[in-house]
PDB file of N, CA and C in Angstrom:
ATOM      1  N   UNK A   1      -9.908   9.729 -83.051  1.00  0.00           N
ATOM      2  CA  UNK A   1     -10.367   9.821 -81.680  1.00  0.00           C
ATOM      3  C   UNK A   1      -9.852   8.616 -80.897  1.00  0.00           C
ATOM      4  N   UNK A   2      -9.354   8.866 -79.719  1.00  0.00           N
ATOM      5  CA  UNK A   2      -8.803   7.787 -78.897  1.00  0.00           C
ATOM      6  C   UNK A   2      -9.909   7.135 -78.082  1.00  0.00           C
ATOM      7  N   UNK A   3      -9.792   5.826 -77.928  1.00  0.00           N
ATOM      8  CA  UNK A   3     -10.728   5.099 -77.076  1.00  0.00           C
ATOM      9  C   UNK A   3     -10.382   5.322 -75.615  1.00  0.00           C
ATOM     10  N   UNK A   4     -11.398   5.384 -74.796  1.00  0.00           N
ATOM     11  CA  UNK A   4     -11.216   5.437 -73.353  1.00  0.00           C
ATOM     12  C   UNK A   4     -11.471   4.027 -72.843  1.00  0.00           C
ATOM     13  N   UNK A   5     -10.477   3.444 -72.201  1.00  0.00           N
ATOM     14  CA  UNK A   5     -10.609   2.083 -71.699  1.00  0.00           C
ATOM     15  C   UNK A   5     -10.928   2.091 -70.213  1.00  0.00           C
ATOM     16  N   UNK A   6     -11.883   1.255 -69.843  1.00  0.00           N
ATOM     17  CA  UNK A   6     -12.284   1.107 -68.445  1.00  0.00           C
ATOM     18  C   UNK A   6     -12.028  -0.332 -68.016  1.00  0.00           C
ATOM     19  N   UNK A   7     -11.677  -0.497 -66.754  1.00  0.00           N
ATOM     20  CA  UNK A   7     -11.474  -1.840 -66.217  1.00  0.00           C
ATOM     21  C   UNK A   7     -12.816  -2.449 -65.837  1.00  0.00           C
ATOM     22  N   UNK A   8     -12.805  -3.725 -65.529  1.00  0.00           N
ATOM     23  CA  UNK A   8     -14.020  -4.402 -65.092  1.00  0.00           C
ATOM     24  C   UNK A   8     -14.549  -3.778 -63.798  1.00  0.00           C
ATOM     25  N   UNK A   9     -13.643  -3.317 -62.943  1.00  0.00           N
ATOM     26  CA  UNK A   9     -14.055  -2.644 -61.711  1.00  0.00           C
ATOM     27  C   UNK A   9     -14.760  -1.326 -61.986  1.00  0.00           C
ATOM     28  N   UNK A  10     -14.251  -0.576 -62.966  1.00  0.00           N
ATOM     29  CA  UNK A  10     -14.888   0.685 -63.354  1.00  0.00           C
ATOM     30  C   UNK A  10     -16.306   0.435 -63.859  1.00  0.00           C
ATOM     31  N   UNK A  11     -16.444  -0.528 -64.754  1.00  0.00           N
ATOM     32  CA  UNK A  11     -17.756  -0.848 -65.332  1.00  0.00           C
ATOM     33  C   UNK A  11     -18.708  -1.328 -64.243  1.00  0.00           C
ATOM     34  N   UNK A  12     -18.198  -2.137 -63.343  1.00  0.00           N
ATOM     35  CA  UNK A  12     -19.000  -2.645 -62.230  1.00  0.00           C
ATOM     36  C   UNK A  12     -19.562  -1.504 -61.387  1.00  0.00           C
ATOM     37  N   UNK A  13     -18.726  -0.528 -61.074  1.00  0.00           N
ATOM     38  CA  UNK A  13     -19.159   0.613 -60.257  1.00  0.00           C
ATOM     39  C   UNK A  13     -20.152   1.498 -61.007  1.00  0.00           C
ATOM     40  N   UNK A  14     -19.890   1.756 -62.270  1.00  0.00           N
ATOM     41  CA  UNK A  14     -20.752   2.640 -63.060  1.00  0.00           C
ATOM     42  C   UNK A  14     -22.164   2.070 -63.181  1.00  0.00           C
ATOM     43  N   UNK A  15     -22.265   0.761 -63.414  1.00  0.00           N
ATOM     44  CA  UNK A  15     -23.573   0.149 -63.668  1.00  0.00           C
ATOM     45  C   UNK A  15     -24.180  -0.527 -62.444  1.00  0.00           C
ATOM     46  N   UNK A  16     -23.455  -0.531 -61.345  1.00  0.00           N
ATOM     47  CA  UNK A  16     -23.999  -1.098 -60.116  1.00  0.00           C
ATOM     48  C   UNK A  16     -24.237  -2.592 -60.178  1.00  0.00           C
ATOM     49  N   UNK A  17     -23.368  -3.282 -60.899  1.00  0.00           N
ATOM     50  CA  UNK A  17     -23.455  -4.741 -60.975  1.00  0.00           C
ATOM     51  C   UNK A  17     -22.119  -5.321 -60.528  1.00  0.00           C
ATOM     52  N   UNK A  18     -22.130  -6.581 -60.158  1.00  0.00           N
ATOM     53  CA  UNK A  18     -20.903  -7.198 -59.653  1.00  0.00           C
ATOM     54  C   UNK A  18     -19.958  -7.579 -60.794  1.00  0.00           C
ATOM     55  N   UNK A  19     -18.702  -7.722 -60.447  1.00  0.00           N
ATOM     56  CA  UNK A  19     -17.713  -8.194 -61.411  1.00  0.00           C
ATOM     57  C   UNK A  19     -18.069  -9.599 -61.880  1.00  0.00           C
ATOM     58  N   UNK A  20     -18.624 -10.395 -60.974  1.00  0.00           N
ATOM     59  CA  UNK A  20     -19.021 -11.759 -61.316  1.00  0.00           C
ATOM     60  C   UNK A  20     -20.117 -11.760 -62.380  1.00  0.00           C
ATOM     61  N   UNK A  21     -21.030 -10.801 -62.302  1.00  0.00           N
ATOM     62  CA  UNK A  21     -22.086 -10.693 -63.314  1.00  0.00           C
ATOM     63  C   UNK A  21     -21.486 -10.366 -64.672  1.00  0.00           C
ATOM     64  N   UNK A  22     -20.530  -9.455 -64.691  1.00  0.00           N
ATOM     65  CA  UNK A  22     -19.868  -9.098 -65.946  1.00  0.00           C
ATOM     66  C   UNK A  22     -19.155 -10.316 -66.527  1.00  0.00           C
ATOM     67  N   UNK A  23     -18.462 -11.060 -65.690  1.00  0.00           N
ATOM     68  CA  UNK A  23     -17.767 -12.262 -66.161  1.00  0.00           C
ATOM     69  C   UNK A  23     -18.754 -13.320 -66.643  1.00  0.00           C
ATOM     70  N   UNK A  24     -19.916 -13.396 -66.003  1.00  0.00           N
ATOM     71  CA  UNK A  24     -20.962 -14.333 -66.436  1.00  0.00           C
ATOM     72  C   UNK A  24     -21.463 -13.949 -67.830  1.00  0.00           C
ATOM     73  N   UNK A  25     -21.713 -12.660 -68.052  1.00  0.00           N
ATOM     74  CA  UNK A  25     -22.144 -12.207 -69.377  1.00  0.00           C
ATOM     75  C   UNK A  25     -21.063 -12.482 -70.416  1.00  0.00           C
ATOM     76  N   UNK A  26     -19.807 -12.371 -70.016  1.00  0.00           N
ATOM     77  CA  UNK A  26     -18.710 -12.691 -70.929  1.00  0.00           C
ATOM     78  C   UNK A  26     -18.725 -14.178 -71.267  1.00  0.00           C
ATOM     79  N   UNK A  27     -18.935 -15.009 -70.260  1.00  0.00           N
ATOM     80  CA  UNK A  27     -18.979 -16.461 -70.472  1.00  0.00           C
ATOM     81  C   UNK A  27     -20.084 -16.836 -71.456  1.00  0.00           C
ATOM     82  N   UNK A  28     -21.215 -16.123 -71.384  1.00  0.00           N
ATOM     83  CA  UNK A  28     -22.336 -16.372 -72.293  1.00  0.00           C
ATOM     84  C   UNK A  28     -22.101 -15.782 -73.684  1.00  0.00           C
ATOM     85  N   UNK A  29     -21.063 -14.952 -73.812  1.00  0.00           N
ATOM     86  CA  UNK A  29     -20.770 -14.311 -75.088  1.00  0.00           C
ATOM     87  C   UNK A  29     -21.580 -13.054 -75.339  1.00  0.00           C
ATOM     88  N   UNK A  30     -22.228 -12.526 -74.297  1.00  0.00           N
ATOM     89  CA  UNK A  30     -23.075 -11.344 -74.443  1.00  0.00           C
ATOM     90  C   UNK A  30     -22.307 -10.038 -74.321  1.00  0.00           C
ATOM     91  N   UNK A  31     -21.307 -10.019 -73.468  1.00  0.00           N
ATOM     92  CA  UNK A  31     -20.578  -8.783 -73.158  1.00  0.00           C
ATOM     93  C   UNK A  31     -19.091  -9.105 -73.119  1.00  0.00           C
ATOM     94  N   UNK A  32     -18.408  -8.771 -74.201  1.00  0.00           N
ATOM     95  CA  UNK A  32     -16.994  -9.118 -74.317  1.00  0.00           C
ATOM     96  C   UNK A  32     -16.130  -7.867 -74.203  1.00  0.00           C
ATOM     97  N   UNK A  33     -14.971  -7.990 -73.581  1.00  0.00           N
ATOM     98  CA  UNK A  33     -14.082  -6.833 -73.468  1.00  0.00           C
ATOM     99  C   UNK A  33     -13.514  -6.434 -74.825  1.00  0.00           C
ATOM    100  N   UNK A  34     -13.164  -5.160 -74.942  1.00  0.00           N
ATOM    101  CA  UNK A  34     -12.530  -4.665 -76.163  1.00  0.00           C
ATOM    102  C   UNK A  34     -11.147  -5.291 -76.321  1.00  0.00           C
ATOM    103  N   UNK A  35     -10.474  -5.484 -75.182  1.00  0.00           N
ATOM    104  CA  UNK A  35      -9.168  -6.150 -75.222  1.00  0.00           C
ATOM    105  C   UNK A  35      -8.884  -6.791 -73.872  1.00  0.00           C
ATOM    106  N   UNK A  36      -8.079  -7.840 -73.931  1.00  0.00           N
ATOM    107  CA  UNK A  36      -7.598  -8.519 -72.730  1.00  0.00           C
ATOM    108  C   UNK A  36      -6.077  -8.511 -72.814  1.00  0.00           C
ATOM    109  N   UNK A  37      -5.456  -7.917 -71.822  1.00  0.00           N
ATOM    110  CA  UNK A  37      -3.995  -7.834 -71.795  1.00  0.00           C
ATOM    111  C   UNK A  37      -3.390  -9.198 -71.452  1.00  0.00           C
ATOM    112  N   UNK A  38      -2.087  -9.319 -71.647  1.00  0.00           N
ATOM    113  CA  UNK A  38      -1.375 -10.559 -71.328  1.00  0.00           C
ATOM    114  C   UNK A  38      -1.520 -10.941 -69.859  1.00  0.00           C
ATOM    115  N   UNK A  39      -1.680  -9.938 -68.993  1.00  0.00           N
ATOM    116  CA  UNK A  39      -1.815 -10.215 -67.562  1.00  0.00           C
ATOM    117  C   UNK A  39      -3.250 -10.585 -67.168  1.00  0.00           C
ATOM    118  N   UNK A  40      -4.159 -10.640 -68.156  1.00  0.00           N
ATOM    119  CA  UNK A  40      -5.542 -11.030 -67.897  1.00  0.00           C
ATOM    120  C   UNK A  40      -6.483  -9.872 -67.609  1.00  0.00           C
ATOM    121  N   UNK A  41      -5.957  -8.659 -67.528  1.00  0.00           N
ATOM    122  CA  UNK A  41      -6.811  -7.494 -67.278  1.00  0.00           C
ATOM    123  C   UNK A  41      -7.725  -7.273 -68.482  1.00  0.00           C
ATOM    124  N   UNK A  42      -9.001  -7.035 -68.190  1.00  0.00           N
ATOM    125  CA  UNK A  42      -9.984  -6.791 -69.234  1.00  0.00           C
ATOM    126  C   UNK A  42     -10.249  -5.291 -69.320  1.00  0.00           C
ATOM    127  N   UNK A  43     -10.375  -4.813 -70.544  1.00  0.00           N
ATOM    128  CA  UNK A  43     -10.648  -3.396 -70.765  1.00  0.00           C
ATOM    129  C   UNK A  43     -11.847  -3.244 -71.691  1.00  0.00           C
ATOM    130  N   UNK A  44     -12.703  -2.293 -71.341  1.00  0.00           N
ATOM    131  CA  UNK A  44     -13.945  -2.050 -72.060  1.00  0.00           C
ATOM    132  C   UNK A  44     -13.985  -0.604 -72.527  1.00  0.00           C
ATOM    133  N   UNK A  45     -14.593  -0.387 -73.695  1.00  0.00           N
ATOM    134  CA  UNK A  45     -14.793   0.966 -74.216  1.00  0.00           C
ATOM    135  C   UNK A  45     -16.268   1.329 -74.081  1.00  0.00           C
ATOM    136  N   UNK A  46     -16.601   2.548 -74.472  1.00  0.00           N
ATOM    137  CA  UNK A  46     -17.996   2.981 -74.425  1.00  0.00           C
ATOM    138  C   UNK A  46     -18.878   2.110 -75.315  1.00  0.00           C
ATOM    139  N   UNK A  47     -18.325   1.615 -76.404  1.00  0.00           N
ATOM    140  CA  UNK A  47     -19.100   0.749 -77.302  1.00  0.00           C
ATOM    141  C   UNK A  47     -19.588  -0.500 -76.567  1.00  0.00           C
ATOM    142  N   UNK A  48     -18.724  -1.130 -75.810  1.00  0.00           N
ATOM    143  CA  UNK A  48     -19.129  -2.304 -75.033  1.00  0.00           C
ATOM    144  C   UNK A  48     -20.138  -1.911 -73.957  1.00  0.00           C
ATOM    145  N   UNK A  49     -19.943  -0.742 -73.367  1.00  0.00           N
ATOM    146  CA  UNK A  49     -20.868  -0.297 -72.315  1.00  0.00           C
ATOM    147  C   UNK A  49     -22.265  -0.051 -72.862  1.00  0.00           C
ATOM    148  N   UNK A  50     -22.373   0.447 -74.096  1.00  0.00           N
ATOM    149  CA  UNK A  50     -23.694   0.603 -74.712  1.00  0.00           C
ATOM    150  C   UNK A  50     -24.374  -0.757 -74.822  1.00  0.00           C
ATOM    151  N   UNK A  51     -23.602  -1.755 -75.181  1.00  0.00           N
ATOM    152  CA  UNK A  51     -24.152  -3.111 -75.276  1.00  0.00           C
ATOM    153  C   UNK A  51     -24.617  -3.595 -73.903  1.00  0.00           C
ATOM    154  N   UNK A  52     -23.851  -3.305 -72.869  1.00  0.00           N
ATOM    155  CA  UNK A  52     -24.234  -3.696 -71.514  1.00  0.00           C
ATOM    156  C   UNK A  52     -25.531  -3.006 -71.110  1.00  0.00           C
ATOM    157  N   UNK A  53     -25.690  -1.742 -71.485  1.00  0.00           N
ATOM    158  CA  UNK A  53     -26.931  -1.030 -71.176  1.00  0.00           C
ATOM    159  C   UNK A  53     -28.132  -1.734 -71.805  1.00  0.00           C
ATOM    160  N   UNK A  54     -27.975  -2.204 -73.027  1.00  0.00           N
ATOM    161  CA  UNK A  54     -29.055  -2.940 -73.695  1.00  0.00           C
ATOM    162  C   UNK A  54     -29.345  -4.233 -72.950  1.00  0.00           C
ATOM    163  N   UNK A  55     -28.308  -4.955 -72.574  1.00  0.00           N
ATOM    164  CA  UNK A  55     -28.478  -6.213 -71.837  1.00  0.00           C
ATOM    165  C   UNK A  55     -29.234  -5.965 -70.538  1.00  0.00           C
ATOM    166  N   UNK A  56     -28.832  -4.951 -69.795  1.00  0.00           N
ATOM    167  CA  UNK A  56     -29.467  -4.663 -68.505  1.00  0.00           C
ATOM    168  C   UNK A  56     -30.910  -4.197 -68.685  1.00  0.00           C
ATOM    169  N   UNK A  57     -31.176  -3.437 -69.741  1.00  0.00           N
ATOM    170  CA  UNK A  57     -32.545  -2.993 -70.021  1.00  0.00           C
ATOM    171  C   UNK A  57     -33.436  -4.181 -70.363  1.00  0.00           C
ATOM    172  N   UNK A  58     -32.957  -5.059 -71.210  1.00  0.00           N
ATOM    173  CA  UNK A  58     -33.748  -6.227 -71.604  1.00  0.00           C
ATOM    174  C   UNK A  58     -33.944  -7.195 -70.442  1.00  0.00           C
ATOM    175  N   UNK A  59     -32.966  -7.244 -69.557  1.00  0.00           N
ATOM    176  CA  UNK A  59     -33.060  -8.123 -68.391  1.00  0.00           C
ATOM    177  C   UNK A  59     -34.213  -7.702 -67.490  1.00  0.00           C
ATOM    178  N   UNK A  60     -34.421  -6.394 -67.368  1.00  0.00           N
ATOM    179  CA  UNK A  60     -35.494  -5.869 -66.519  1.00  0.00           C
ATOM    180  C   UNK A  60     -36.780  -5.878 -67.290  1.00  0.00           C
TER     181      UNK A  60
END
């Protein structure tokens, strides 16, 4: 099965949070991208998004 990769902008729109929040969670080591390309683009899979859902649930 192939992974579906989403950009930080995609994840931001889906979850209604800012890109800065996603980068903050990355800085804390809570939410890391599946891969970072040489150009710095971050890509996330559904597995990472499940983790983000847990983070957002616990935050509330």
